[in-house]
Amino acid sequence: MTSEVVYRCKNKGGPDGDCEHASSDDNILSSLITISETGEAICPGETVFGEPCGSVLEKVIPPKKIPWALITSLLSGIAIIAGFVWFILLRGDAVIRIEDNLLTLSPGQTVKVEVFNDGEVTLKLNDVIFSQEYFSAELPEGGLEIEPGTKENFRVKFAKSAQDSVNGIMTIDSNSAGEPITIKVVGNANPWGVVEKINKKSTILDKE
């Protein structure tokens, strides 16, 4: 909505005395003034002596209104963008730490593996992969999540059916910064099982 233009009279100290509008520093609405042939706004007031003022008026330039709604919207948008940038680029990383660098198991045995998160965001273990099929890991469905500064655990199992000792590598797939964690795993088969296997293959015992 456009405001009506206003004027002010500056007629003070003239020969006919001060203008009533100049003395009180009034704003004069454009609807009350007359426009001269030269296009100037003429004061409609009277002097203190009752004479018409007739002075040329000065147009009042209203102060610009601060668009607070627009500024608030812009600041909100900047805050959202800054939060997004922080979340994507500056929020930090998850950092996995496992103190065990070797797991040794017997056939059918299950061991617990403790996993620490030394990072700043949630660590998620997506999968545990073994180079030998005799080893397996038990993870929750959807992976294992570990909050910053805490630890969780999962279990690794060596197959009960293993007849030979097996050496392998366990690789943990996660969102941790850096390279994937790898740990050596060793499955020690039952020594008596090995002896029985040798005896079954031996032909010496069959000779008389």
N, C-alpha and C. Protein backbone atom coordinates (compact mmCIF):
# COMPACT_ATOMS: atom_id res chain seq x y z
N MET A 1 0.84 -1.19 0.00
CA MET A 1 0.00 0.00 0.00
C MET A 1 0.88 1.25 0.00
N THR A 2 0.62 2.20 -0.98
CA THR A 2 1.43 3.40 -1.12
C THR A 2 0.94 4.48 -0.16
N SER A 3 1.86 5.09 0.61
CA SER A 3 1.50 6.15 1.54
C SER A 3 1.34 7.47 0.79
N GLU A 4 0.47 8.36 1.33
CA GLU A 4 0.27 9.68 0.72
C GLU A 4 1.50 10.53 0.94
N VAL A 5 1.85 11.30 -0.11
CA VAL A 5 3.02 12.16 -0.03
C VAL A 5 2.75 13.31 0.93
N VAL A 6 3.73 13.66 1.74
CA VAL A 6 3.57 14.77 2.69
C VAL A 6 4.67 15.81 2.46
N TYR A 7 4.38 17.05 2.94
CA TYR A 7 5.30 18.16 2.77
C TYR A 7 5.49 18.88 4.10
N ARG A 8 6.53 19.74 4.13
CA ARG A 8 6.77 20.58 5.30
C ARG A 8 7.08 22.00 4.86
N CYS A 9 6.59 22.92 5.69
CA CYS A 9 6.85 24.33 5.42
C CYS A 9 8.03 24.79 6.26
N LYS A 10 8.95 25.55 5.61
CA LYS A 10 10.14 26.05 6.30
C LYS A 10 10.10 27.58 6.47
N ASN A 11 8.90 28.15 6.34
CA ASN A 11 8.76 29.61 6.41
C ASN A 11 8.82 30.07 7.87
N LYS A 12 10.02 30.38 8.29
CA LYS A 12 10.23 30.94 9.63
C LYS A 12 11.04 32.23 9.51
N GLY A 13 10.62 33.24 10.28
CA GLY A 13 11.37 34.49 10.28
C GLY A 13 11.09 35.38 9.08
N GLY A 14 9.99 35.14 8.35
CA GLY A 14 9.66 35.99 7.21
C GLY A 14 9.05 37.31 7.65
N PRO A 15 8.87 38.25 6.71
CA PRO A 15 8.32 39.57 7.06
C PRO A 15 6.90 39.50 7.60
N ASP A 16 6.16 38.48 7.21
CA ASP A 16 4.79 38.33 7.69
C ASP A 16 4.69 37.39 8.90
N GLY A 17 5.83 37.03 9.45
CA GLY A 17 5.83 36.14 10.61
C GLY A 17 5.93 34.68 10.20
N ASP A 18 6.10 33.84 11.19
CA ASP A 18 6.26 32.41 10.94
C ASP A 18 4.95 31.78 10.48
N CYS A 19 5.09 30.80 9.61
CA CYS A 19 3.92 30.03 9.18
C CYS A 19 3.49 29.11 10.32
N GLU A 20 2.19 28.96 10.42
CA GLU A 20 1.67 28.09 11.48
C GLU A 20 2.20 26.66 11.36
N HIS A 21 2.37 26.19 10.14
CA HIS A 21 2.87 24.81 9.93
C HIS A 21 4.36 24.71 10.20
N ALA A 22 5.08 25.79 9.88
CA ALA A 22 6.52 25.79 10.13
C ALA A 22 6.81 25.83 11.62
N SER A 23 6.01 26.59 12.36
CA SER A 23 6.24 26.71 13.80
C SER A 23 6.07 25.37 14.50
N SER A 24 5.07 24.63 14.08
CA SER A 24 4.81 23.35 14.73
C SER A 24 5.46 22.16 14.01
N ASP A 25 6.15 22.47 12.90
CA ASP A 25 6.85 21.44 12.12
C ASP A 25 5.91 20.31 11.70
N ASP A 26 4.74 20.72 11.25
CA ASP A 26 3.72 19.74 10.85
C ASP A 26 4.07 19.11 9.51
N ASN A 27 3.53 17.91 9.31
CA ASN A 27 3.52 17.29 8.00
C ASN A 27 2.21 17.69 7.31
N ILE A 28 2.33 18.22 6.09
CA ILE A 28 1.15 18.69 5.36
C ILE A 28 0.83 17.67 4.27
N LEU A 29 -0.37 17.14 4.29
CA LEU A 29 -0.77 16.14 3.30
C LEU A 29 -0.88 16.77 1.92
N SER A 30 -0.56 15.97 0.91
CA SER A 30 -0.61 16.47 -0.46
C SER A 30 -2.01 16.89 -0.87
N SER A 31 -3.03 16.31 -0.23
CA SER A 31 -4.41 16.65 -0.57
C SER A 31 -4.79 18.05 -0.10
N LEU A 32 -3.98 18.67 0.75
CA LEU A 32 -4.29 20.00 1.30
C LEU A 32 -3.55 21.11 0.58
N ILE A 33 -2.62 20.79 -0.26
CA ILE A 33 -1.79 21.83 -0.88
C ILE A 33 -2.30 22.17 -2.27
N THR A 34 -1.75 23.28 -2.78
CA THR A 34 -2.01 23.65 -4.17
C THR A 34 -0.69 23.62 -4.93
N ILE A 35 -0.78 23.35 -6.22
CA ILE A 35 0.40 23.28 -7.06
C ILE A 35 0.43 24.50 -7.95
N SER A 36 1.56 25.20 -7.94
CA SER A 36 1.70 26.40 -8.75
C SER A 36 1.87 26.04 -10.22
N GLU A 37 1.87 27.09 -11.08
CA GLU A 37 2.04 26.87 -12.51
C GLU A 37 3.39 26.28 -12.83
N THR A 38 4.33 26.52 -11.96
CA THR A 38 5.68 25.97 -12.18
C THR A 38 5.83 24.57 -11.58
N GLY A 39 4.73 24.03 -11.04
CA GLY A 39 4.77 22.68 -10.50
C GLY A 39 5.26 22.60 -9.08
N GLU A 40 5.32 23.71 -8.37
CA GLU A 40 5.80 23.71 -6.98
C GLU A 40 4.62 23.58 -6.03
N ALA A 41 4.86 22.92 -4.91
CA ALA A 41 3.83 22.76 -3.88
C ALA A 41 3.81 24.00 -3.00
N ILE A 42 2.63 24.60 -2.84
CA ILE A 42 2.50 25.84 -2.09
C ILE A 42 1.82 25.57 -0.76
N CYS A 43 2.36 26.19 0.29
CA CYS A 43 1.83 25.99 1.64
C CYS A 43 0.44 26.60 1.75
N PRO A 44 -0.51 25.84 2.33
CA PRO A 44 -1.87 26.36 2.49
C PRO A 44 -2.09 27.08 3.80
N GLY A 45 -1.06 27.19 4.62
CA GLY A 45 -1.23 27.74 5.96
C GLY A 45 -1.23 29.25 6.00
N GLU A 46 -1.32 29.78 7.23
CA GLU A 46 -1.29 31.22 7.47
C GLU A 46 -0.15 31.54 8.43
N THR A 47 0.28 32.77 8.33
CA THR A 47 1.32 33.21 9.25
C THR A 47 0.69 33.59 10.58
N VAL A 48 1.53 33.94 11.53
CA VAL A 48 1.03 34.31 12.85
C VAL A 48 0.22 35.62 12.80
N PHE A 49 0.38 36.37 11.68
CA PHE A 49 -0.37 37.61 11.53
C PHE A 49 -1.62 37.42 10.69
N GLY A 50 -1.95 36.17 10.37
CA GLY A 50 -3.16 35.88 9.63
C GLY A 50 -3.05 36.05 8.13
N GLU A 51 -1.85 36.20 7.63
CA GLU A 51 -1.64 36.32 6.19
C GLU A 51 -1.38 34.93 5.58
N PRO A 52 -1.80 34.73 4.31
CA PRO A 52 -1.49 33.45 3.67
C PRO A 52 0.02 33.24 3.59
N CYS A 53 0.44 32.02 3.85
CA CYS A 53 1.89 31.72 3.84
C CYS A 53 2.42 31.73 2.41
N GLY A 54 1.91 30.83 1.56
CA GLY A 54 2.29 30.82 0.15
C GLY A 54 3.71 30.38 -0.13
N SER A 55 4.40 29.87 0.88
CA SER A 55 5.78 29.44 0.67
C SER A 55 5.82 28.11 -0.08
N VAL A 56 6.94 27.93 -0.77
CA VAL A 56 7.16 26.64 -1.46
C VAL A 56 7.51 25.60 -0.42
N LEU A 57 6.82 24.50 -0.50
CA LEU A 57 7.00 23.43 0.49
C LEU A 57 8.13 22.47 0.08
N GLU A 58 8.67 21.84 1.08
CA GLU A 58 9.67 20.80 0.85
C GLU A 58 9.01 19.43 0.99
N LYS A 59 9.28 18.59 0.03
CA LYS A 59 8.71 17.25 0.07
C LYS A 59 9.46 16.41 1.10
N VAL A 60 8.69 15.72 1.90
CA VAL A 60 9.28 14.87 2.95
C VAL A 60 9.55 13.49 2.38
N ILE A 61 10.79 13.09 2.47
CA ILE A 61 11.17 11.73 2.02
C ILE A 61 11.03 10.79 3.21
N PRO A 62 10.04 9.92 3.18
CA PRO A 62 9.85 9.02 4.33
C PRO A 62 11.01 8.04 4.46
N PRO A 63 11.38 7.71 5.67
CA PRO A 63 12.47 6.73 5.87
C PRO A 63 12.06 5.36 5.34
N LYS A 64 13.02 4.70 4.78
CA LYS A 64 12.74 3.37 4.23
C LYS A 64 12.47 2.38 5.34
N LYS A 65 11.44 1.60 5.14
CA LYS A 65 11.12 0.57 6.12
C LYS A 65 12.03 -0.63 5.95
N ILE A 66 12.50 -1.13 7.06
CA ILE A 66 13.37 -2.31 7.02
C ILE A 66 12.52 -3.54 6.78
N PRO A 67 12.82 -4.30 5.74
CA PRO A 67 12.00 -5.49 5.44
C PRO A 67 12.37 -6.65 6.35
N TRP A 68 11.88 -6.58 7.58
CA TRP A 68 12.26 -7.59 8.58
C TRP A 68 11.84 -8.99 8.16
N ALA A 69 10.68 -9.12 7.54
CA ALA A 69 10.22 -10.45 7.11
C ALA A 69 11.18 -11.06 6.11
N LEU A 70 11.64 -10.21 5.15
CA LEU A 70 12.59 -10.70 4.14
C LEU A 70 13.92 -11.05 4.78
N ILE A 71 14.39 -10.18 5.70
CA ILE A 71 15.67 -10.45 6.37
C ILE A 71 15.59 -11.74 7.18
N THR A 72 14.47 -11.94 7.89
CA THR A 72 14.30 -13.17 8.67
C THR A 72 14.33 -14.40 7.78
N SER A 73 13.66 -14.31 6.63
CA SER A 73 13.64 -15.44 5.70
C SER A 73 15.05 -15.74 5.17
N LEU A 74 15.79 -14.66 4.84
CA LEU A 74 17.15 -14.86 4.34
C LEU A 74 18.05 -15.49 5.39
N LEU A 75 17.94 -15.01 6.64
CA LEU A 75 18.76 -15.57 7.71
C LEU A 75 18.42 -17.03 7.97
N SER A 76 17.13 -17.35 7.90
CA SER A 76 16.71 -18.75 8.09
C SER A 76 17.30 -19.63 6.99
N GLY A 77 17.26 -19.11 5.76
CA GLY A 77 17.82 -19.87 4.64
C GLY A 77 19.32 -20.07 4.79
N ILE A 78 20.02 -19.02 5.24
CA ILE A 78 21.47 -19.14 5.45
C ILE A 78 21.76 -20.16 6.54
N ALA A 79 20.97 -20.15 7.62
CA ALA A 79 21.18 -21.11 8.71
C ALA A 79 20.97 -22.54 8.23
N ILE A 80 19.96 -22.75 7.39
CA ILE A 80 19.70 -24.09 6.87
C ILE A 80 20.85 -24.55 5.99
N ILE A 81 21.33 -23.65 5.10
CA ILE A 81 22.44 -24.01 4.22
C ILE A 81 23.70 -24.29 5.03
N ALA A 82 23.96 -23.45 6.05
CA ALA A 82 25.15 -23.66 6.89
C ALA A 82 25.06 -25.00 7.62
N GLY A 83 23.87 -25.34 8.11
CA GLY A 83 23.70 -26.62 8.77
C GLY A 83 23.92 -27.78 7.82
N PHE A 84 23.45 -27.63 6.60
CA PHE A 84 23.64 -28.68 5.60
C PHE A 84 25.11 -28.87 5.26
N VAL A 85 25.82 -27.73 5.09
CA VAL A 85 27.26 -27.81 4.79
C VAL A 85 28.01 -28.46 5.94
N TRP A 86 27.66 -28.09 7.16
CA TRP A 86 28.33 -28.70 8.32
C TRP A 86 28.07 -30.21 8.35
N PHE A 87 26.81 -30.59 8.10
CA PHE A 87 26.44 -32.00 8.17
C PHE A 87 27.20 -32.81 7.13
N ILE A 88 27.38 -32.24 5.93
CA ILE A 88 28.02 -32.97 4.85
C ILE A 88 29.54 -32.93 4.95
N LEU A 89 30.09 -31.73 5.27
CA LEU A 89 31.53 -31.56 5.16
C LEU A 89 32.28 -31.49 6.48
N LEU A 90 31.64 -30.96 7.52
CA LEU A 90 32.39 -30.64 8.73
C LEU A 90 31.96 -31.42 9.96
N ARG A 91 31.09 -32.38 9.81
CA ARG A 91 30.55 -33.04 10.99
C ARG A 91 31.52 -34.05 11.61
N GLY A 92 32.63 -34.36 10.95
CA GLY A 92 33.56 -35.35 11.48
C GLY A 92 33.31 -36.73 10.91
N ASP A 93 34.04 -37.69 11.43
CA ASP A 93 33.97 -39.05 10.91
C ASP A 93 33.77 -40.04 12.05
N ALA A 94 33.35 -41.23 11.64
CA ALA A 94 33.39 -42.37 12.56
C ALA A 94 34.78 -42.99 12.45
N VAL A 95 35.33 -43.40 13.57
CA VAL A 95 36.68 -43.99 13.58
C VAL A 95 36.62 -45.31 14.34
N ILE A 96 36.87 -46.40 13.63
CA ILE A 96 36.81 -47.72 14.24
C ILE A 96 38.14 -48.07 14.90
N ARG A 97 38.03 -48.77 16.03
CA ARG A 97 39.23 -49.27 16.71
C ARG A 97 38.94 -50.65 17.29
N ILE A 98 39.80 -51.61 16.96
CA ILE A 98 39.71 -52.97 17.51
C ILE A 98 41.07 -53.32 18.08
N GLU A 99 41.11 -53.65 19.35
CA GLU A 99 42.39 -53.90 20.01
C GLU A 99 42.97 -55.25 19.64
N ASP A 100 42.14 -56.22 19.29
CA ASP A 100 42.65 -57.54 18.90
C ASP A 100 43.15 -57.49 17.46
N ASN A 101 44.36 -58.00 17.26
CA ASN A 101 44.87 -58.10 15.89
C ASN A 101 45.03 -59.55 15.44
N LEU A 102 44.63 -60.48 16.33
CA LEU A 102 44.68 -61.91 15.99
C LEU A 102 43.58 -62.63 16.76
N LEU A 103 42.81 -63.42 16.06
CA LEU A 103 41.79 -64.25 16.69
C LEU A 103 42.15 -65.71 16.46
N THR A 104 42.17 -66.48 17.54
CA THR A 104 42.48 -67.91 17.45
C THR A 104 41.31 -68.70 17.98
N LEU A 105 40.81 -69.63 17.17
CA LEU A 105 39.62 -70.38 17.53
C LEU A 105 39.83 -71.87 17.30
N SER A 106 39.06 -72.66 18.03
CA SER A 106 39.00 -74.10 17.82
C SER A 106 37.70 -74.42 17.07
N PRO A 107 37.59 -75.59 16.45
CA PRO A 107 36.37 -75.94 15.73
C PRO A 107 35.13 -75.80 16.62
N GLY A 108 34.13 -75.09 16.13
CA GLY A 108 32.90 -74.89 16.88
C GLY A 108 32.95 -73.77 17.90
N GLN A 109 34.11 -73.16 18.10
CA GLN A 109 34.25 -72.11 19.10
C GLN A 109 33.78 -70.76 18.55
N THR A 110 33.21 -69.95 19.45
CA THR A 110 32.79 -68.59 19.12
C THR A 110 33.51 -67.62 20.05
N VAL A 111 34.08 -66.55 19.49
CA VAL A 111 34.77 -65.55 20.31
C VAL A 111 34.12 -64.18 20.08
N LYS A 112 34.22 -63.35 21.11
CA LYS A 112 33.64 -62.00 21.06
C LYS A 112 34.69 -61.00 20.59
N VAL A 113 34.30 -60.13 19.68
CA VAL A 113 35.19 -59.09 19.17
C VAL A 113 34.62 -57.74 19.59
N GLU A 114 35.39 -56.97 20.39
CA GLU A 114 34.95 -55.66 20.83
C GLU A 114 35.36 -54.59 19.81
N VAL A 115 34.40 -53.71 19.49
CA VAL A 115 34.64 -52.66 18.50
C VAL A 115 34.39 -51.31 19.18
N PHE A 116 35.36 -50.40 19.10
CA PHE A 116 35.26 -49.07 19.68
C PHE A 116 35.04 -48.03 18.58
N ASN A 117 34.27 -47.01 18.90
CA ASN A 117 34.10 -45.88 17.99
C ASN A 117 34.77 -44.65 18.60
N ASP A 118 35.94 -44.29 18.06
CA ASP A 118 36.68 -43.13 18.54
C ASP A 118 36.38 -41.87 17.74
N GLY A 119 35.35 -41.92 16.92
CA GLY A 119 35.02 -40.78 16.07
C GLY A 119 33.95 -39.89 16.66
N GLU A 120 33.36 -39.05 15.80
CA GLU A 120 32.41 -38.03 16.23
C GLU A 120 30.99 -38.31 15.75
N VAL A 121 30.82 -39.30 14.89
CA VAL A 121 29.49 -39.67 14.41
C VAL A 121 29.31 -41.17 14.58
N THR A 122 28.08 -41.64 14.38
CA THR A 122 27.76 -43.05 14.59
C THR A 122 28.55 -43.93 13.63
N LEU A 123 29.17 -44.96 14.18
CA LEU A 123 29.89 -45.95 13.38
C LEU A 123 28.94 -47.09 13.04
N LYS A 124 28.93 -47.48 11.77
CA LYS A 124 28.06 -48.58 11.35
C LYS A 124 28.89 -49.66 10.68
N LEU A 125 28.81 -50.88 11.23
CA LEU A 125 29.43 -52.04 10.62
C LEU A 125 28.43 -52.67 9.67
N ASN A 126 28.74 -52.62 8.38
CA ASN A 126 27.83 -53.13 7.37
C ASN A 126 27.97 -54.62 7.15
N ASP A 127 29.23 -55.11 7.20
CA ASP A 127 29.46 -56.52 6.91
C ASP A 127 30.83 -56.92 7.44
N VAL A 128 30.98 -58.22 7.67
CA VAL A 128 32.27 -58.79 8.06
C VAL A 128 32.57 -59.90 7.06
N ILE A 129 33.70 -59.78 6.37
CA ILE A 129 34.03 -60.69 5.28
C ILE A 129 35.28 -61.48 5.65
N PHE A 130 35.25 -62.79 5.34
CA PHE A 130 36.38 -63.67 5.63
C PHE A 130 36.96 -64.23 4.34
N SER A 131 38.27 -64.42 4.36
CA SER A 131 38.94 -65.01 3.19
C SER A 131 38.76 -66.52 3.15
N GLN A 132 38.34 -67.13 4.27
CA GLN A 132 38.10 -68.58 4.33
C GLN A 132 36.66 -68.83 4.77
N GLU A 133 36.01 -69.77 4.12
CA GLU A 133 34.59 -70.02 4.37
C GLU A 133 34.31 -70.67 5.72
N TYR A 134 35.34 -71.16 6.40
CA TYR A 134 35.12 -71.82 7.68
C TYR A 134 34.81 -70.82 8.81
N PHE A 135 35.05 -69.54 8.55
CA PHE A 135 34.78 -68.52 9.56
C PHE A 135 33.47 -67.78 9.21
N SER A 136 32.78 -67.35 10.25
CA SER A 136 31.55 -66.58 10.04
C SER A 136 31.38 -65.59 11.19
N ALA A 137 30.58 -64.55 10.95
CA ALA A 137 30.34 -63.52 11.96
C ALA A 137 28.84 -63.38 12.20
N GLU A 138 28.50 -63.03 13.42
CA GLU A 138 27.11 -62.82 13.79
C GLU A 138 26.89 -61.32 14.02
N LEU A 139 26.19 -60.69 13.06
CA LEU A 139 25.85 -59.26 13.16
C LEU A 139 24.34 -59.10 13.21
N PRO A 140 23.85 -58.04 13.87
CA PRO A 140 22.41 -57.77 13.85
C PRO A 140 21.93 -57.52 12.42
N GLU A 141 20.69 -57.80 12.16
CA GLU A 141 20.14 -57.53 10.85
C GLU A 141 20.20 -56.02 10.57
N GLY A 142 20.76 -55.68 9.42
CA GLY A 142 20.93 -54.26 9.08
C GLY A 142 22.25 -53.69 9.52
N GLY A 143 23.10 -54.49 10.17
CA GLY A 143 24.42 -54.02 10.60
C GLY A 143 24.44 -53.63 12.07
N LEU A 144 25.64 -53.35 12.54
CA LEU A 144 25.86 -52.99 13.94
C LEU A 144 26.20 -51.51 14.02
N GLU A 145 25.45 -50.74 14.84
CA GLU A 145 25.70 -49.32 15.00
C GLU A 145 26.31 -49.04 16.37
N ILE A 146 27.33 -48.16 16.37
CA ILE A 146 28.06 -47.83 17.60
C ILE A 146 28.15 -46.31 17.72
N GLU A 147 27.63 -45.77 18.81
CA GLU A 147 27.63 -44.32 19.01
C GLU A 147 29.04 -43.83 19.35
N PRO A 148 29.33 -42.53 19.09
CA PRO A 148 30.67 -41.99 19.39
C PRO A 148 31.05 -42.19 20.85
N GLY A 149 32.29 -42.61 21.07
CA GLY A 149 32.81 -42.78 22.42
C GLY A 149 32.33 -44.04 23.13
N THR A 150 31.66 -44.94 22.43
CA THR A 150 31.17 -46.18 23.05
C THR A 150 31.73 -47.40 22.32
N LYS A 151 31.36 -48.57 22.81
CA LYS A 151 31.81 -49.81 22.17
C LYS A 151 30.65 -50.80 22.12
N GLU A 152 30.73 -51.70 21.16
CA GLU A 152 29.80 -52.81 21.01
C GLU A 152 30.62 -54.04 20.64
N ASN A 153 29.97 -55.16 20.49
CA ASN A 153 30.70 -56.36 20.12
C ASN A 153 29.88 -57.22 19.16
N PHE A 154 30.59 -58.06 18.43
CA PHE A 154 29.96 -59.08 17.62
C PHE A 154 30.77 -60.37 17.80
N ARG A 155 30.26 -61.48 17.32
CA ARG A 155 30.91 -62.77 17.54
C ARG A 155 31.39 -63.39 16.23
N VAL A 156 32.54 -64.03 16.33
CA VAL A 156 33.13 -64.75 15.20
C VAL A 156 33.18 -66.23 15.55
N LYS A 157 32.81 -67.07 14.59
CA LYS A 157 32.76 -68.51 14.82
C LYS A 157 33.61 -69.26 13.81
N PHE A 158 34.26 -70.33 14.31
CA PHE A 158 35.03 -71.24 13.45
C PHE A 158 34.22 -72.52 13.31
N ALA A 159 34.04 -72.95 12.08
CA ALA A 159 33.15 -74.07 11.80
C ALA A 159 33.56 -75.33 12.57
N LYS A 160 32.57 -75.99 13.13
CA LYS A 160 32.82 -77.23 13.88
C LYS A 160 33.28 -78.35 12.98
N SER A 161 32.92 -78.24 11.71
CA SER A 161 33.25 -79.31 10.77
C SER A 161 34.67 -79.24 10.24
N ALA A 162 35.41 -78.19 10.61
CA ALA A 162 36.77 -78.03 10.09
C ALA A 162 37.67 -79.16 10.59
N GLN A 163 38.38 -79.79 9.67
CA GLN A 163 39.28 -80.89 10.00
C GLN A 163 40.74 -80.47 9.97
N ASP A 164 41.03 -79.38 9.29
CA ASP A 164 42.39 -78.88 9.18
C ASP A 164 42.47 -77.49 9.80
N SER A 165 43.66 -77.12 10.22
CA SER A 165 43.88 -75.76 10.70
C SER A 165 43.79 -74.81 9.51
N VAL A 166 43.18 -73.65 9.78
CA VAL A 166 42.92 -72.69 8.70
C VAL A 166 43.39 -71.30 9.12
N ASN A 167 44.13 -70.65 8.25
CA ASN A 167 44.54 -69.26 8.44
C ASN A 167 43.75 -68.38 7.48
N GLY A 168 43.23 -67.27 7.98
CA GLY A 168 42.45 -66.40 7.12
C GLY A 168 42.54 -64.95 7.55
N ILE A 169 41.86 -64.12 6.80
CA ILE A 169 41.80 -62.67 7.08
C ILE A 169 40.34 -62.26 7.22
N MET A 170 40.06 -61.52 8.29
CA MET A 170 38.72 -60.97 8.50
C MET A 170 38.76 -59.47 8.15
N THR A 171 37.90 -59.04 7.25
CA THR A 171 37.81 -57.64 6.83
C THR A 171 36.47 -57.06 7.28
N ILE A 172 36.51 -55.92 7.95
CA ILE A 172 35.29 -55.29 8.46
C ILE A 172 34.92 -54.12 7.55
N ASP A 173 33.76 -54.21 6.94
CA ASP A 173 33.24 -53.15 6.08
C ASP A 173 32.39 -52.20 6.93
N SER A 174 32.80 -50.93 6.99
CA SER A 174 32.10 -49.95 7.82
C SER A 174 32.20 -48.57 7.20
N ASN A 175 31.60 -47.58 7.86
CA ASN A 175 31.68 -46.19 7.40
C ASN A 175 32.83 -45.44 8.07
N SER A 176 33.76 -46.17 8.66
CA SER A 176 34.89 -45.54 9.34
C SER A 176 35.82 -44.86 8.35
N ALA A 177 36.44 -43.76 8.81
CA ALA A 177 37.42 -43.08 7.98
C ALA A 177 38.65 -43.97 7.83
N GLY A 178 39.35 -43.82 6.72
CA GLY A 178 40.56 -44.60 6.51
C GLY A 178 40.29 -45.93 5.83
N GLU A 179 41.30 -46.77 5.84
CA GLU A 179 41.22 -48.06 5.19
C GLU A 179 40.39 -49.05 6.02
N PRO A 180 39.78 -50.07 5.38
CA PRO A 180 39.04 -51.08 6.12
C PRO A 180 39.93 -51.83 7.11
N ILE A 181 39.36 -52.20 8.23
CA ILE A 181 40.10 -52.94 9.25
C ILE A 181 40.22 -54.40 8.83
N THR A 182 41.45 -54.94 8.94
CA THR A 182 41.67 -56.36 8.66
C THR A 182 42.34 -57.00 9.88
N ILE A 183 41.89 -58.20 10.22
CA ILE A 183 42.42 -58.93 11.37
C ILE A 183 42.70 -60.37 10.95
N LYS A 184 43.81 -60.90 11.41
CA LYS A 184 44.17 -62.29 11.10
C LYS A 184 43.35 -63.23 11.98
N VAL A 185 42.80 -64.26 11.38
CA VAL A 185 42.04 -65.27 12.12
C VAL A 185 42.68 -66.63 11.88
N VAL A 186 42.81 -67.41 12.96
CA VAL A 186 43.43 -68.73 12.88
C VAL A 186 42.49 -69.75 13.49
N GLY A 187 42.18 -70.75 12.74
CA GLY A 187 41.37 -71.85 13.24
C GLY A 187 42.23 -73.07 13.46
N ASN A 188 42.37 -73.51 14.71
CA ASN A 188 43.18 -74.68 15.03
C ASN A 188 42.27 -75.91 15.12
N ALA A 189 42.45 -76.82 14.15
CA ALA A 189 41.61 -78.02 14.13
C ALA A 189 42.00 -78.96 15.26
N ASN A 190 41.09 -79.84 15.63
CA ASN A 190 41.34 -80.86 16.66
C ASN A 190 42.51 -81.73 16.22
N PRO A 191 43.61 -81.76 16.98
CA PRO A 191 44.78 -82.56 16.57
C PRO A 191 44.45 -84.03 16.41
N TRP A 192 43.52 -84.56 17.23
CA TRP A 192 43.14 -85.97 17.10
C TRP A 192 42.38 -86.20 15.80
N GLY A 193 41.67 -85.19 15.36
CA GLY A 193 41.00 -85.31 14.08
C GLY A 193 41.99 -85.40 12.95
N VAL A 194 43.08 -84.67 13.07
CA VAL A 194 44.13 -84.73 12.05
C VAL A 194 44.76 -86.10 12.03
N VAL A 195 45.02 -86.68 13.23
CA VAL A 195 45.61 -88.03 13.30
C VAL A 195 44.70 -89.05 12.66
N GLU A 196 43.39 -88.95 12.97
CA GLU A 196 42.45 -89.89 12.39
C GLU A 196 42.42 -89.78 10.88
N LYS A 197 42.54 -88.55 10.39
CA LYS A 197 42.53 -88.36 8.94
C LYS A 197 43.75 -88.97 8.30
N ILE A 198 44.91 -88.84 8.99
CA ILE A 198 46.15 -89.44 8.46
C ILE A 198 46.05 -90.95 8.45
N ASN A 199 45.49 -91.50 9.55
CA ASN A 199 45.37 -92.95 9.64
C ASN A 199 44.46 -93.52 8.55
N LYS A 200 43.41 -92.78 8.24
CA LYS A 200 42.49 -93.26 7.21
C LYS A 200 43.16 -93.29 5.84
N LYS A 201 44.08 -92.36 5.60
CA LYS A 201 44.75 -92.30 4.33
C LYS A 201 45.97 -93.21 4.25
N SER A 202 46.46 -93.66 5.40
CA SER A 202 47.68 -94.48 5.43
C SER A 202 47.38 -95.89 4.98
N THR A 203 48.34 -96.48 4.23
CA THR A 203 48.23 -97.88 3.78
C THR A 203 49.15 -98.81 4.58
N ILE A 204 49.93 -98.20 5.49
CA ILE A 204 50.90 -99.01 6.27
C ILE A 204 50.15 -99.94 7.21
N LEU A 205 49.06 -99.47 7.83
CA LEU A 205 48.34 -100.28 8.81
C LEU A 205 47.62 -101.44 8.15
N ASP A 206 47.44 -101.35 6.83
CA ASP A 206 46.73 -102.44 6.16
C ASP A 206 47.65 -103.61 5.85
N LYS A 207 48.97 -103.40 5.95
CA LYS A 207 49.90 -104.47 5.64
C LYS A 207 50.09 -105.38 6.84
N GLU A 208 50.25 -106.65 6.58
CA GLU A 208 50.48 -107.62 7.65
C GLU A 208 51.96 -107.89 7.81
